[in-house]
Structures are given as C-alpha cells and as structure tokens.
Amino acid sequence: MTSLLAISGSPSADSRTALVVDRVVRHLSHAGYRTSHLAVRDLPAADLLAGRVTGPALRGALDEVAAADGLVVATPVYKASYTGLLKAFLDLLPQSGLAGKTVLPLATGGSLAHVLTLDYALRPVLSALGARHIVPGCFLLDSAVERLGQGAVRLEPETEIRLLQAVDGFTDALAARAPLATAAS
C-alpha cells in the first residue's frame, strides 16, 4: 500500500494550513492510501533548532519522511516564503532526503501576491532535496478557508475544486510511479 505523509509547517495552533492538510489527508485516506500528518510545530523546538536528530521525536519524523512514497508539504506564506519552522525541518533531511518521492506542495496566504511562493521558494528546496516528481501545487487564499471549530473547515467551492484537482494530479503521479517500483522488485 502506498504510504503518504503530509507535513504542515505552520507554527500556529489554529492553522488554516493544518486544517487544509487534515482535509487532504482524510481525502487520501478514503481513497485507500495509508496516510499520516506531521505538524512540525509539535516537534521539540530545541532539538529542531539545534539540529539534534538523535532525539526520538525528530528521529521518528525523519524516519516517516524516509518511509513515505509521497509527501504533501504545506505551509502558510510568511514574508513571501514558506515558514522558518518548515525550513528548519527540511534542513534536517539528508541531501537526497526526498529522492524517489512524489511531492505535492500546498500554501495558504493572505494575498494572491504570494501565489509564486510555491514555484519560487518551496519548489526549489524540494527539488534540491532530490524529489522525483513535484506535481503542480495549490495556493489557497486565507479568505477562502473558513475555520468552523473543532478541527472542521469549509473551503469556498472554487478553492475546493482547485485543491481536489491538485490532489488528483498528485495521486495520478503516484499511480504512474507504481509500475516503476514493481518493475524494480
């Protein structure tokens, strides 16, 4: 079974980004994928910032990345880029830490002025880490993501469609990868 890991890089406890990721994870799980969600904010900050990867939480998170066939990497946009929290985590991955993986980048932000964050900030670091295939990502305006409380979220219909199209592109890329993995066995 294909294993997928969603990584959300928001430092906020009531993050729109994490709510969107939870929605994507549920969708992928219902589609038959083995999924999990790693909120980087839940990792020990001192270990994360010091790069101490020997602690059980960070070691476990890095092992989850290594074991996943595909990743959803999500971030709010802060200062025209992905969060420093996500950067701190990605910096702990080995140079080829995403080799062989299919990646779906997602971002949330307050303005369409930040839509290029996916292609000019996040995509280059994912590529530098050796991602096999980075599918077209999805940018969601904060105003299109309504928090309903208790972990629930409502997306504007057009935003929901774009998000699901991005997820479909991701699962299509994962399916295209499957025969390669089987042939190598």
C-alpha atoms as a PDB file:
ATOM      1  CA  MET A   1       0.000   0.000   0.000  1.00  0.00           C
ATOM      2  CA  THR A   2       1.264   3.462  -0.906  1.00  0.00           C
ATOM      3  CA  SER A   3       2.314   5.461   2.154  1.00  0.00           C
ATOM      4  CA  LEU A   4       1.768   9.212   2.211  1.00  0.00           C
ATOM      5  CA  LEU A   5       2.994  11.758   4.715  1.00  0.00           C
ATOM      6  CA  ALA A   6       1.602  15.265   4.969  1.00  0.00           C
ATOM      7  CA  ILE A   7       3.921  17.807   6.570  1.00  0.00           C
ATOM      8  CA  SER A   8       2.459  21.099   7.750  1.00  0.00           C
ATOM      9  CA  GLY A   9       4.864  23.869   8.616  1.00  0.00           C
ATOM     10  CA  SER A  10       2.641  26.355  10.404  1.00  0.00           C
ATOM     11  CA  PRO A  11       3.650  27.463  13.896  1.00  0.00           C
ATOM     12  CA  SER A  12       0.032  28.436  14.668  1.00  0.00           C
ATOM     13  CA  ALA A  13      -2.122  26.255  16.903  1.00  0.00           C
ATOM     14  CA  ASP A  14      -5.273  27.097  14.885  1.00  0.00           C
ATOM     15  CA  SER A  15      -3.627  26.978  11.489  1.00  0.00           C
ATOM     16  CA  ARG A  16      -5.692  27.140   8.311  1.00  0.00           C
ATOM     17  CA  THR A  17      -2.834  25.280   6.673  1.00  0.00           C
ATOM     18  CA  ALA A  18      -3.098  22.351   9.088  1.00  0.00           C
ATOM     19  CA  LEU A  19      -6.893  22.259   8.647  1.00  0.00           C
ATOM     20  CA  VAL A  20      -6.484  22.073   4.866  1.00  0.00           C
ATOM     21  CA  VAL A  21      -3.859  19.351   5.274  1.00  0.00           C
ATOM     22  CA  ASP A  22      -6.198  17.379   7.540  1.00  0.00           C
ATOM     23  CA  ARG A  23      -8.846  17.612   4.822  1.00  0.00           C
ATOM     24  CA  VAL A  24      -6.368  16.376   2.179  1.00  0.00           C
ATOM     25  CA  VAL A  25      -5.227  13.531   4.453  1.00  0.00           C
ATOM     26  CA  ARG A  26      -8.835  12.403   5.022  1.00  0.00           C
ATOM     27  CA  HIS A  27      -9.489  12.523   1.275  1.00  0.00           C
ATOM     28  CA  LEU A  28      -6.390  10.452   0.511  1.00  0.00           C
ATOM     29  CA  SER A  29      -7.182   8.007   3.301  1.00  0.00           C
ATOM     30  CA  HIS A  30     -10.705   7.472   1.932  1.00  0.00           C
ATOM     31  CA  ALA A  31      -9.103   6.845  -1.467  1.00  0.00           C
ATOM     32  CA  GLY A  32      -7.205   3.901   0.044  1.00  0.00           C
ATOM     33  CA  TYR A  33      -3.802   5.400   0.837  1.00  0.00           C
ATOM     34  CA  ARG A  34      -2.015   4.894   4.153  1.00  0.00           C
ATOM     35  CA  THR A  35      -1.666   8.453   5.443  1.00  0.00           C
ATOM     36  CA  SER A  36      -0.278  10.401   8.358  1.00  0.00           C
ATOM     37  CA  HIS A  37       0.079  14.082   9.217  1.00  0.00           C
ATOM     38  CA  LEU A  38       3.218  15.548  10.743  1.00  0.00           C
ATOM     39  CA  ALA A  39       2.737  19.013  12.222  1.00  0.00           C
ATOM     40  CA  VAL A  40       6.284  20.344  12.560  1.00  0.00           C
ATOM     41  CA  ARG A  41       5.115  22.649  15.363  1.00  0.00           C
ATOM     42  CA  ASP A  42       4.636  19.553  17.541  1.00  0.00           C
ATOM     43  CA  LEU A  43       8.315  18.569  17.350  1.00  0.00           C
ATOM     44  CA  PRO A  44      10.628  19.610  20.206  1.00  0.00           C
ATOM     45  CA  ALA A  45      11.704  23.158  19.298  1.00  0.00           C
ATOM     46  CA  ALA A  46      15.116  22.961  20.993  1.00  0.00           C
ATOM     47  CA  ASP A  47      16.046  19.792  19.103  1.00  0.00           C
ATOM     48  CA  LEU A  48      14.654  21.131  15.830  1.00  0.00           C
ATOM     49  CA  LEU A  49      16.548  24.405  16.000  1.00  0.00           C
ATOM     50  CA  ALA A  50      19.761  22.780  17.218  1.00  0.00           C
ATOM     51  CA  GLY A  51      19.568  20.087  14.550  1.00  0.00           C
ATOM     52  CA  ARG A  52      19.656  17.299  17.129  1.00  0.00           C
ATOM     53  CA  VAL A  53      18.220  14.448  15.105  1.00  0.00           C
ATOM     54  CA  THR A  54      19.014  11.768  17.677  1.00  0.00           C
ATOM     55  CA  GLY A  55      16.000  12.522  19.879  1.00  0.00           C
ATOM     56  CA  PRO A  56      13.078  10.130  19.444  1.00  0.00           C
ATOM     57  CA  ALA A  57      10.602  12.712  18.090  1.00  0.00           C
ATOM     58  CA  LEU A  58      12.879  14.121  15.392  1.00  0.00           C
ATOM     59  CA  ARG A  59      14.306  10.721  14.523  1.00  0.00           C
ATOM     60  CA  GLY A  60      10.777   9.372  14.164  1.00  0.00           C
ATOM     61  CA  ALA A  61       9.728  12.303  11.963  1.00  0.00           C
ATOM     62  CA  LEU A  62      12.745  11.857   9.686  1.00  0.00           C
ATOM     63  CA  ASP A  63      12.061   8.115   9.504  1.00  0.00           C
ATOM     64  CA  GLU A  64       8.459   8.873   8.480  1.00  0.00           C
ATOM     65  CA  VAL A  65       9.744  11.037   5.619  1.00  0.00           C
ATOM     66  CA  ALA A  66      12.166   8.308   4.543  1.00  0.00           C
ATOM     67  CA  ALA A  67       9.433   5.641   4.573  1.00  0.00           C
ATOM     68  CA  ALA A  68       6.818   7.658   2.668  1.00  0.00           C
ATOM     69  CA  ASP A  69       6.228   7.126  -1.042  1.00  0.00           C
ATOM     70  CA  GLY A  70       4.702  10.575  -1.404  1.00  0.00           C
ATOM     71  CA  LEU A  71       4.621  13.806   0.556  1.00  0.00           C
ATOM     72  CA  VAL A  72       2.224  16.701   0.855  1.00  0.00           C
ATOM     73  CA  VAL A  73       4.299  19.678   2.011  1.00  0.00           C
ATOM     74  CA  ALA A  74       2.149  22.558   3.231  1.00  0.00           C
ATOM     75  CA  THR A  75       2.944  25.974   4.620  1.00  0.00           C
ATOM     76  CA  PRO A  76       1.403  29.327   5.260  1.00  0.00           C
ATOM     77  CA  VAL A  77       3.186  32.158   3.479  1.00  0.00           C
ATOM     78  CA  TYR A  78       5.147  34.410   5.825  1.00  0.00           C
ATOM     79  CA  LYS A  79       7.288  37.224   4.439  1.00  0.00           C
ATOM     80  CA  ALA A  80       6.778  35.969   0.855  1.00  0.00           C
ATOM     81  CA  SER A  81       8.118  32.485   1.584  1.00  0.00           C
ATOM     82  CA  TYR A  82       7.449  29.258   3.435  1.00  0.00           C
ATOM     83  CA  THR A  83       7.811  29.320   7.211  1.00  0.00           C
ATOM     84  CA  GLY A  84      11.103  29.174   9.056  1.00  0.00           C
ATOM     85  CA  LEU A  85       9.675  26.254  11.001  1.00  0.00           C
ATOM     86  CA  LEU A  86       9.287  24.231   7.802  1.00  0.00           C
ATOM     87  CA  LYS A  87      12.751  25.340   6.663  1.00  0.00           C
ATOM     88  CA  ALA A  88      14.280  24.171   9.953  1.00  0.00           C
ATOM     89  CA  PHE A  89      12.737  20.728   9.445  1.00  0.00           C
ATOM     90  CA  LEU A  90      13.653  20.433   5.760  1.00  0.00           C
ATOM     91  CA  ASP A  91      17.236  21.399   6.634  1.00  0.00           C
ATOM     92  CA  LEU A  92      17.481  18.256   8.773  1.00  0.00           C
ATOM     93  CA  LEU A  93      16.797  15.962   5.821  1.00  0.00           C
ATOM     94  CA  PRO A  94      19.809  14.453   4.070  1.00  0.00           C
ATOM     95  CA  GLN A  95      20.747  15.983   0.703  1.00  0.00           C
ATOM     96  CA  SER A  96      18.797  13.256  -1.108  1.00  0.00           C
ATOM     97  CA  GLY A  97      16.096  13.014   1.560  1.00  0.00           C
ATOM     98  CA  LEU A  98      13.266  13.229  -0.977  1.00  0.00           C
ATOM     99  CA  ALA A  99      14.835  11.019  -3.640  1.00  0.00           C
ATOM    100  CA  GLY A 100      12.255   8.822  -5.350  1.00  0.00           C
ATOM    101  CA  LYS A 101       9.333  10.677  -3.791  1.00  0.00           C
ATOM    102  CA  THR A 102       6.368  12.390  -5.385  1.00  0.00           C
ATOM    103  CA  VAL A 103       5.573  15.709  -3.691  1.00  0.00           C
ATOM    104  CA  LEU A 104       2.505  17.944  -3.647  1.00  0.00           C
ATOM    105  CA  PRO A 105       3.309  21.479  -2.418  1.00  0.00           C
ATOM    106  CA  LEU A 106       0.476  23.470  -0.812  1.00  0.00           C
ATOM    107  CA  ALA A 107       0.444  27.013   0.550  1.00  0.00           C
ATOM    108  CA  THR A 108      -2.046  29.304   2.219  1.00  0.00           C
ATOM    109  CA  GLY A 109      -1.714  33.067   2.258  1.00  0.00           C
ATOM    110  CA  GLY A 110      -3.468  36.360   2.660  1.00  0.00           C
ATOM    111  CA  SER A 111      -2.969  37.678  -0.857  1.00  0.00           C
ATOM    112  CA  LEU A 112      -2.637  36.441  -4.427  1.00  0.00           C
ATOM    113  CA  ALA A 113       0.651  38.351  -4.428  1.00  0.00           C
ATOM    114  CA  HIS A 114       2.085  35.294  -2.638  1.00  0.00           C
ATOM    115  CA  VAL A 115       0.992  32.644  -5.135  1.00  0.00           C
ATOM    116  CA  LEU A 116       4.502  32.403  -6.612  1.00  0.00           C
ATOM    117  CA  THR A 117       5.830  31.200  -3.257  1.00  0.00           C
ATOM    118  CA  LEU A 118       5.134  27.647  -4.415  1.00  0.00           C
ATOM    119  CA  ASP A 119       7.289  27.903  -7.527  1.00  0.00           C
ATOM    120  CA  TYR A 120       9.979  30.350  -6.431  1.00  0.00           C
ATOM    121  CA  ALA A 121      10.519  29.433  -2.786  1.00  0.00           C
ATOM    122  CA  LEU A 122       9.199  25.960  -1.950  1.00  0.00           C
ATOM    123  CA  ARG A 123       9.713  24.056  -5.220  1.00  0.00           C
ATOM    124  CA  PRO A 124      13.478  24.806  -5.402  1.00  0.00           C
ATOM    125  CA  VAL A 125      14.170  23.401  -1.914  1.00  0.00           C
ATOM    126  CA  LEU A 126      12.069  20.299  -2.625  1.00  0.00           C
ATOM    127  CA  SER A 127      13.982  19.829  -5.859  1.00  0.00           C
ATOM    128  CA  ALA A 128      17.326  20.334  -4.112  1.00  0.00           C
ATOM    129  CA  LEU A 129      16.358  17.511  -1.755  1.00  0.00           C
ATOM    130  CA  GLY A 130      16.016  15.196  -4.755  1.00  0.00           C
ATOM    131  CA  ALA A 131      12.242  14.863  -5.094  1.00  0.00           C
ATOM    132  CA  ARG A 132      11.480  12.554  -8.019  1.00  0.00           C
ATOM    133  CA  HIS A 133       8.372  14.445  -9.117  1.00  0.00           C
ATOM    134  CA  ILE A 134       6.994  17.700  -7.747  1.00  0.00           C
ATOM    135  CA  VAL A 135       3.457  17.985  -9.067  1.00  0.00           C
ATOM    136  CA  PRO A 136       1.752  21.350  -9.618  1.00  0.00           C
ATOM    137  CA  GLY A 137       0.870  22.722  -6.228  1.00  0.00           C
ATOM    138  CA  CYS A 138      -2.110  24.613  -4.931  1.00  0.00           C
ATOM    139  CA  PHE A 139      -2.249  28.051  -3.304  1.00  0.00           C
ATOM    140  CA  LEU A 140      -5.285  28.806  -1.145  1.00  0.00           C
ATOM    141  CA  LEU A 141      -6.267  32.276  -0.034  1.00  0.00           C
ATOM    142  CA  ASP A 142      -6.826  32.535   3.706  1.00  0.00           C
ATOM    143  CA  SER A 143     -10.177  34.190   2.984  1.00  0.00           C
ATOM    144  CA  ALA A 144     -11.306  31.021   1.118  1.00  0.00           C
ATOM    145  CA  VAL A 145     -10.618  28.817   4.166  1.00  0.00           C
ATOM    146  CA  GLU A 146     -13.197  29.177   6.928  1.00  0.00           C
ATOM    147  CA  ARG A 147     -12.466  27.673  10.344  1.00  0.00           C
ATOM    148  CA  LEU A 148     -15.611  26.042  11.726  1.00  0.00           C
ATOM    149  CA  GLY A 149     -14.193  24.953  15.071  1.00  0.00           C
ATOM    150  CA  GLN A 150     -13.168  21.582  16.478  1.00  0.00           C
ATOM    151  CA  GLY A 151     -10.897  20.832  13.525  1.00  0.00           C
ATOM    152  CA  ALA A 152     -13.514  21.438  10.856  1.00  0.00           C
ATOM    153  CA  VAL A 153     -13.009  23.668   7.843  1.00  0.00           C
ATOM    154  CA  ARG A 154     -15.096  24.895   4.924  1.00  0.00           C
ATOM    155  CA  LEU A 155     -13.497  25.890   1.640  1.00  0.00           C
ATOM    156  CA  GLU A 156     -15.045  28.156  -0.944  1.00  0.00           C
ATOM    157  CA  PRO A 157     -16.348  25.913  -3.758  1.00  0.00           C
ATOM    158  CA  GLU A 158     -13.831  27.096  -6.374  1.00  0.00           C
ATOM    159  CA  THR A 159     -10.993  26.627  -3.900  1.00  0.00           C
ATOM    160  CA  GLU A 160     -12.229  23.132  -3.035  1.00  0.00           C
ATOM    161  CA  ILE A 161     -12.245  22.227  -6.737  1.00  0.00           C
ATOM    162  CA  ARG A 162      -8.700  23.530  -7.282  1.00  0.00           C
ATOM    163  CA  LEU A 163      -7.451  21.692  -4.200  1.00  0.00           C
ATOM    164  CA  LEU A 164      -9.019  18.405  -5.264  1.00  0.00           C
ATOM    165  CA  GLN A 165      -7.619  18.815  -8.778  1.00  0.00           C
ATOM    166  CA  ALA A 166      -4.143  19.251  -7.282  1.00  0.00           C
ATOM    167  CA  VAL A 167      -4.656  16.163  -5.107  1.00  0.00           C
ATOM    168  CA  ASP A 168      -5.852  14.215  -8.158  1.00  0.00           C
ATOM    169  CA  GLY A 169      -2.701  15.244 -10.024  1.00  0.00           C
ATOM    170  CA  PHE A 170      -0.681  14.013  -7.056  1.00  0.00           C
ATOM    171  CA  THR A 171      -2.437  10.631  -6.939  1.00  0.00           C
ATOM    172  CA  ASP A 172      -2.117  10.282 -10.727  1.00  0.00           C
ATOM    173  CA  ALA A 173       1.637  10.840 -10.400  1.00  0.00           C
ATOM    174  CA  LEU A 174       1.806   8.286  -7.586  1.00  0.00           C
ATOM    175  CA  ALA A 175      -0.079   5.744  -9.726  1.00  0.00           C
ATOM    176  CA  ALA A 176       2.290   6.361 -12.647  1.00  0.00           C
ATOM    177  CA  ARG A 177       5.191   5.667 -10.302  1.00  0.00           C
ATOM    178  CA  ALA A 178       3.776   2.329  -9.087  1.00  0.00           C
ATOM    179  CA  PRO A 179       4.765   0.272 -12.165  1.00  0.00           C
ATOM    180  CA  LEU A 180       8.348   1.550 -11.853  1.00  0.00           C
ATOM    181  CA  ALA A 181       8.502   0.376  -8.237  1.00  0.00           C
ATOM    182  CA  THR A 182       7.018  -3.008  -9.176  1.00  0.00           C
ATOM    183  CA  ALA A 183       9.400  -3.477 -12.118  1.00  0.00           C
ATOM    184  CA  ALA A 184      12.374  -2.775  -9.862  1.00  0.00           C
ATOM    185  CA  SER A 185      11.351  -5.526  -7.422  1.00  0.00           C
END
